[in-house]
Amino acid sequence: MAVNCFKCRHFFTTWDANHPRGCRAYQFKTRELPSALVKRSSGVECLKFEPKQLEGHNK
């Protein structure tokens, strides 16, 4: 199953129009979803995925 970057605590949006998405865990910015770039480059799903902590939830 593919990793959903939008639900990962390391994902962020940038102001860079050429590289609008980023990953703090791997420290890069990209045009595509970071998990797609990791999969394409390494052949494995992202190993740094961590679910976001939602405010008011203790999980």
PDB file of N, CA and C in Angstrom:
ATOM      1  N   MET A   1       0.837  -1.185   0.000  1.00  0.00           N
ATOM      2  CA  MET A   1       0.000   0.000   0.000  1.00  0.00           C
ATOM      3  C   MET A   1       0.882   1.250   0.000  1.00  0.00           C
ATOM      4  N   ALA A   2       0.547   2.219  -0.812  1.00  0.00           N
ATOM      5  CA  ALA A   2       1.342   3.433  -0.935  1.00  0.00           C
ATOM      6  C   ALA A   2       1.196   4.321   0.302  1.00  0.00           C
ATOM      7  N   VAL A   3       2.270   4.987   0.664  1.00  0.00           N
ATOM      8  CA  VAL A   3       2.282   5.905   1.798  1.00  0.00           C
ATOM      9  C   VAL A   3       1.577   7.192   1.392  1.00  0.00           C
ATOM     10  N   ASN A   4       0.734   7.726   2.270  1.00  0.00           N
ATOM     11  CA  ASN A   4       0.030   8.984   2.027  1.00  0.00           C
ATOM     12  C   ASN A   4       0.775  10.107   2.740  1.00  0.00           C
ATOM     13  N   CYS A   5       1.561  10.859   2.002  1.00  0.00           N
ATOM     14  CA  CYS A   5       2.365  11.935   2.580  1.00  0.00           C
ATOM     15  C   CYS A   5       1.516  12.967   3.317  1.00  0.00           C
ATOM     16  N   PHE A   6       0.301  13.195   2.844  1.00  0.00           N
ATOM     17  CA  PHE A   6      -0.561  14.198   3.467  1.00  0.00           C
ATOM     18  C   PHE A   6      -0.911  13.833   4.906  1.00  0.00           C
ATOM     19  N   LYS A   7      -0.736  12.571   5.279  1.00  0.00           N
ATOM     20  CA  LYS A   7      -1.028  12.123   6.642  1.00  0.00           C
ATOM     21  C   LYS A   7       0.240  11.912   7.464  1.00  0.00           C
ATOM     22  N   CYS A   8       1.383  12.314   6.915  1.00  0.00           N
ATOM     23  CA  CYS A   8       2.677  12.113   7.581  1.00  0.00           C
ATOM     24  C   CYS A   8       3.134  13.400   8.272  1.00  0.00           C
ATOM     25  N   ARG A   9       3.711  13.242   9.453  1.00  0.00           N
ATOM     26  CA  ARG A   9       4.174  14.401  10.220  1.00  0.00           C
ATOM     27  C   ARG A   9       5.387  15.083   9.577  1.00  0.00           C
ATOM     28  N   HIS A  10       6.096  14.418   8.685  1.00  0.00           N
ATOM     29  CA  HIS A  10       7.289  14.972   8.050  1.00  0.00           C
ATOM     30  C   HIS A  10       6.990  15.767   6.774  1.00  0.00           C
ATOM     31  N   PHE A  11       5.775  15.630   6.249  1.00  0.00           N
ATOM     32  CA  PHE A  11       5.396  16.306   5.008  1.00  0.00           C
ATOM     33  C   PHE A  11       5.181  17.794   5.258  1.00  0.00           C
ATOM     34  N   PHE A  12       5.608  18.624   4.304  1.00  0.00           N
ATOM     35  CA  PHE A  12       5.331  20.051   4.383  1.00  0.00           C
ATOM     36  C   PHE A  12       5.156  20.634   2.986  1.00  0.00           C
ATOM     37  N   THR A  13       4.487  21.777   2.933  1.00  0.00           N
ATOM     38  CA  THR A  13       4.260  22.504   1.685  1.00  0.00           C
ATOM     39  C   THR A  13       5.231  23.676   1.644  1.00  0.00           C
ATOM     40  N   THR A  14       5.826  23.923   0.477  1.00  0.00           N
ATOM     41  CA  THR A  14       6.804  25.000   0.340  1.00  0.00           C
ATOM     42  C   THR A  14       6.222  26.143  -0.494  1.00  0.00           C
ATOM     43  N   TRP A  15       6.932  27.249  -0.535  1.00  0.00           N
ATOM     44  CA  TRP A  15       6.565  28.384  -1.387  1.00  0.00           C
ATOM     45  C   TRP A  15       7.219  28.277  -2.767  1.00  0.00           C
ATOM     46  N   ASP A  16       8.060  27.298  -2.950  1.00  0.00           N
ATOM     47  CA  ASP A  16       8.783  27.105  -4.199  1.00  0.00           C
ATOM     48  C   ASP A  16       7.857  26.465  -5.241  1.00  0.00           C
ATOM     49  N   ALA A  17       7.495  27.223  -6.279  1.00  0.00           N
ATOM     50  CA  ALA A  17       6.564  26.728  -7.300  1.00  0.00           C
ATOM     51  C   ALA A  17       7.119  25.505  -8.045  1.00  0.00           C
ATOM     52  N   ASN A  18       8.424  25.400  -8.155  1.00  0.00           N
ATOM     53  CA  ASN A  18       9.032  24.262  -8.843  1.00  0.00           C
ATOM     54  C   ASN A  18       9.135  23.019  -7.961  1.00  0.00           C
ATOM     55  N   HIS A  19       9.113  23.218  -6.647  1.00  0.00           N
ATOM     56  CA  HIS A  19       9.230  22.115  -5.683  1.00  0.00           C
ATOM     57  C   HIS A  19       8.264  22.384  -4.530  1.00  0.00           C
ATOM     58  N   PRO A  20       6.959  22.225  -4.771  1.00  0.00           N
ATOM     59  CA  PRO A  20       5.958  22.639  -3.777  1.00  0.00           C
ATOM     60  C   PRO A  20       5.757  21.695  -2.596  1.00  0.00           C
ATOM     61  N   ARG A  21       6.353  20.527  -2.617  1.00  0.00           N
ATOM     62  CA  ARG A  21       6.161  19.557  -1.535  1.00  0.00           C
ATOM     63  C   ARG A  21       7.507  19.133  -0.973  1.00  0.00           C
ATOM     64  N   GLY A  22       7.532  18.857   0.332  1.00  0.00           N
ATOM     65  CA  GLY A  22       8.799  18.481   0.937  1.00  0.00           C
ATOM     66  C   GLY A  22       8.657  17.432   2.015  1.00  0.00           C
ATOM     67  N   CYS A  23       9.794  16.868   2.391  1.00  0.00           N
ATOM     68  CA  CYS A  23       9.867  15.859   3.442  1.00  0.00           C
ATOM     69  C   CYS A  23      10.973  16.270   4.416  1.00  0.00           C
ATOM     70  N   ARG A  24      10.596  16.514   5.673  1.00  0.00           N
ATOM     71  CA  ARG A  24      11.589  16.886   6.680  1.00  0.00           C
ATOM     72  C   ARG A  24      12.479  15.700   7.060  1.00  0.00           C
ATOM     73  N   ALA A  25      11.937  14.494   7.039  1.00  0.00           N
ATOM     74  CA  ALA A  25      12.709  13.314   7.420  1.00  0.00           C
ATOM     75  C   ALA A  25      13.863  13.070   6.451  1.00  0.00           C
ATOM     76  N   TYR A  26      13.599  13.187   5.154  1.00  0.00           N
ATOM     77  CA  TYR A  26      14.641  12.966   4.142  1.00  0.00           C
ATOM     78  C   TYR A  26      15.315  14.270   3.707  1.00  0.00           C
ATOM     79  N   GLN A  27      14.779  15.388   4.155  1.00  0.00           N
ATOM     80  CA  GLN A  27      15.339  16.712   3.888  1.00  0.00           C
ATOM     81  C   GLN A  27      15.456  17.031   2.401  1.00  0.00           C
ATOM     82  N   PHE A  28      14.320  16.944   1.689  1.00  0.00           N
ATOM     83  CA  PHE A  28      14.301  17.362   0.296  1.00  0.00           C
ATOM     84  C   PHE A  28      12.952  17.954  -0.069  1.00  0.00           C
ATOM     85  N   LYS A  29      12.944  18.708  -1.173  1.00  0.00           N
ATOM     86  CA  LYS A  29      11.718  19.258  -1.750  1.00  0.00           C
ATOM     87  C   LYS A  29      11.567  18.666  -3.146  1.00  0.00           C
ATOM     88  N   THR A  30      10.316  18.538  -3.603  1.00  0.00           N
ATOM     89  CA  THR A  30      10.056  17.915  -4.889  1.00  0.00           C
ATOM     90  C   THR A  30       8.750  18.406  -5.473  1.00  0.00           C
ATOM     91  N   ARG A  31       8.558  18.186  -6.761  1.00  0.00           N
ATOM     92  CA  ARG A  31       7.314  18.541  -7.429  1.00  0.00           C
ATOM     93  C   ARG A  31       6.235  17.495  -7.138  1.00  0.00           C
ATOM     94  N   GLU A  32       6.642  16.228  -7.032  1.00  0.00           N
ATOM     95  CA  GLU A  32       5.691  15.140  -6.792  1.00  0.00           C
ATOM     96  C   GLU A  32       5.587  14.866  -5.290  1.00  0.00           C
ATOM     97  N   LEU A  33       4.785  13.897  -4.929  1.00  0.00           N
ATOM     98  CA  LEU A  33       4.723  13.517  -3.522  1.00  0.00           C
ATOM     99  C   LEU A  33       6.055  12.895  -3.118  1.00  0.00           C
ATOM    100  N   PRO A  34       6.588  13.272  -1.970  1.00  0.00           N
ATOM    101  CA  PRO A  34       7.874  12.712  -1.540  1.00  0.00           C
ATOM    102  C   PRO A  34       7.887  11.187  -1.512  1.00  0.00           C
ATOM    103  N   SER A  35       6.810  10.550  -1.087  1.00  0.00           N
ATOM    104  CA  SER A  35       6.790   9.080  -1.022  1.00  0.00           C
ATOM    105  C   SER A  35       6.917   8.456  -2.404  1.00  0.00           C
ATOM    106  N   ALA A  36       6.370   9.117  -3.429  1.00  0.00           N
ATOM    107  CA  ALA A  36       6.486   8.613  -4.793  1.00  0.00           C
ATOM    108  C   ALA A  36       7.940   8.697  -5.271  1.00  0.00           C
ATOM    109  N   LEU A  37       8.621   9.787  -4.933  1.00  0.00           N
ATOM    110  CA  LEU A  37      10.025   9.940  -5.306  1.00  0.00           C
ATOM    111  C   LEU A  37      10.893   8.907  -4.583  1.00  0.00           C
ATOM    112  N   VAL A  38      10.627   8.678  -3.304  1.00  0.00           N
ATOM    113  CA  VAL A  38      11.378   7.676  -2.545  1.00  0.00           C
ATOM    114  C   VAL A  38      11.188   6.300  -3.166  1.00  0.00           C
ATOM    115  N   LYS A  39       9.953   5.950  -3.488  1.00  0.00           N
ATOM    116  CA  LYS A  39       9.651   4.637  -4.082  1.00  0.00           C
ATOM    117  C   LYS A  39      10.349   4.482  -5.432  1.00  0.00           C
ATOM    118  N   ARG A  40      10.263   5.519  -6.261  1.00  0.00           N
ATOM    119  CA  ARG A  40      10.877   5.463  -7.590  1.00  0.00           C
ATOM    120  C   ARG A  40      12.403   5.395  -7.506  1.00  0.00           C
ATOM    121  N   SER A  41      12.984   6.095  -6.555  1.00  0.00           N
ATOM    122  CA  SER A  41      14.444   6.146  -6.429  1.00  0.00           C
ATOM    123  C   SER A  41      15.041   4.901  -5.774  1.00  0.00           C
ATOM    124  N   SER A  42      14.343   4.391  -4.755  1.00  0.00           N
ATOM    125  CA  SER A  42      14.911   3.288  -3.977  1.00  0.00           C
ATOM    126  C   SER A  42      14.281   1.933  -4.261  1.00  0.00           C
ATOM    127  N   GLY A  43      13.065   1.952  -4.802  1.00  0.00           N
ATOM    128  CA  GLY A  43      12.362   0.705  -5.058  1.00  0.00           C
ATOM    129  C   GLY A  43      11.568   0.181  -3.872  1.00  0.00           C
ATOM    130  N   VAL A  44      11.625   0.886  -2.742  1.00  0.00           N
ATOM    131  CA  VAL A  44      10.861   0.484  -1.556  1.00  0.00           C
ATOM    132  C   VAL A  44       9.981   1.646  -1.088  1.00  0.00           C
ATOM    133  N   GLU A  45       8.913   1.296  -0.366  1.00  0.00           N
ATOM    134  CA  GLU A  45       8.041   2.327   0.195  1.00  0.00           C
ATOM    135  C   GLU A  45       8.829   3.150   1.219  1.00  0.00           C
ATOM    136  N   CYS A  46       8.373   4.357   1.462  1.00  0.00           N
ATOM    137  CA  CYS A  46       8.996   5.243   2.438  1.00  0.00           C
ATOM    138  C   CYS A  46       9.048   4.571   3.805  1.00  0.00           C
ATOM    139  N   LEU A  47      10.219   4.580   4.429  1.00  0.00           N
ATOM    140  CA  LEU A  47      10.402   3.960   5.737  1.00  0.00           C
ATOM    141  C   LEU A  47      10.336   4.978   6.876  1.00  0.00           C
ATOM    142  N   LYS A  48      10.166   6.252   6.544  1.00  0.00           N
ATOM    143  CA  LYS A  48      10.164   7.305   7.560  1.00  0.00           C
ATOM    144  C   LYS A  48       8.761   7.812   7.879  1.00  0.00           C
ATOM    145  N   PHE A  49       7.734   7.193   7.308  1.00  0.00           N
ATOM    146  CA  PHE A  49       6.357   7.642   7.544  1.00  0.00           C
ATOM    147  C   PHE A  49       5.997   7.552   9.024  1.00  0.00           C
ATOM    148  N   GLU A  50       5.464   8.667   9.545  1.00  0.00           N
ATOM    149  CA  GLU A  50       4.924   8.713  10.908  1.00  0.00           C
ATOM    150  C   GLU A  50       3.603   9.462  10.840  1.00  0.00           C
ATOM    151  N   PRO A  51       2.524   8.862  11.340  1.00  0.00           N
ATOM    152  CA  PRO A  51       1.226   9.536  11.278  1.00  0.00           C
ATOM    153  C   PRO A  51       1.251  10.859  12.028  1.00  0.00           C
ATOM    154  N   LYS A  52       0.515  11.843  11.515  1.00  0.00           N
ATOM    155  CA  LYS A  52       0.388  13.131  12.178  1.00  0.00           C
ATOM    156  C   LYS A  52      -0.350  12.959  13.489  1.00  0.00           C
ATOM    157  N   GLN A  53       0.025  13.743  14.476  1.00  0.00           N
ATOM    158  CA  GLN A  53      -0.716  13.811  15.736  1.00  0.00           C
ATOM    159  C   GLN A  53      -1.795  14.877  15.554  1.00  0.00           C
ATOM    160  N   LEU A  54      -3.037  14.508  15.670  1.00  0.00           N
ATOM    161  CA  LEU A  54      -4.122  15.467  15.545  1.00  0.00           C
ATOM    162  C   LEU A  54      -4.328  16.163  16.881  1.00  0.00           C
ATOM    163  N   GLU A  55      -4.595  17.477  16.838  1.00  0.00           N
ATOM    164  CA  GLU A  55      -4.826  18.219  18.064  1.00  0.00           C
ATOM    165  C   GLU A  55      -6.009  17.643  18.810  1.00  0.00           C
ATOM    166  N   GLY A  56      -5.851  17.475  20.113  1.00  0.00           N
ATOM    167  CA  GLY A  56      -6.916  16.963  20.940  1.00  0.00           C
ATOM    168  C   GLY A  56      -6.984  15.452  20.982  1.00  0.00           C
ATOM    169  N   HIS A  57      -6.108  14.774  20.249  1.00  0.00           N
ATOM    170  CA  HIS A  57      -6.082  13.319  20.256  1.00  0.00           C
ATOM    171  C   HIS A  57      -4.789  12.850  20.914  1.00  0.00           C
ATOM    172  N   ASN A  58      -4.899  11.884  21.773  1.00  0.00           N
ATOM    173  CA  ASN A  58      -3.732  11.381  22.495  1.00  0.00           C
ATOM    174  C   ASN A  58      -3.167  10.111  21.908  1.00  0.00           C
ATOM    175  N   LYS A  59      -3.424   9.830  20.648  1.00  0.00           N
ATOM    176  CA  LYS A  59      -2.914   8.622  20.017  1.00  0.00           C
ATOM    177  C   LYS A  59      -1.603   8.857  19.361  1.00  0.00           C
TER     178      LYS A  59
END
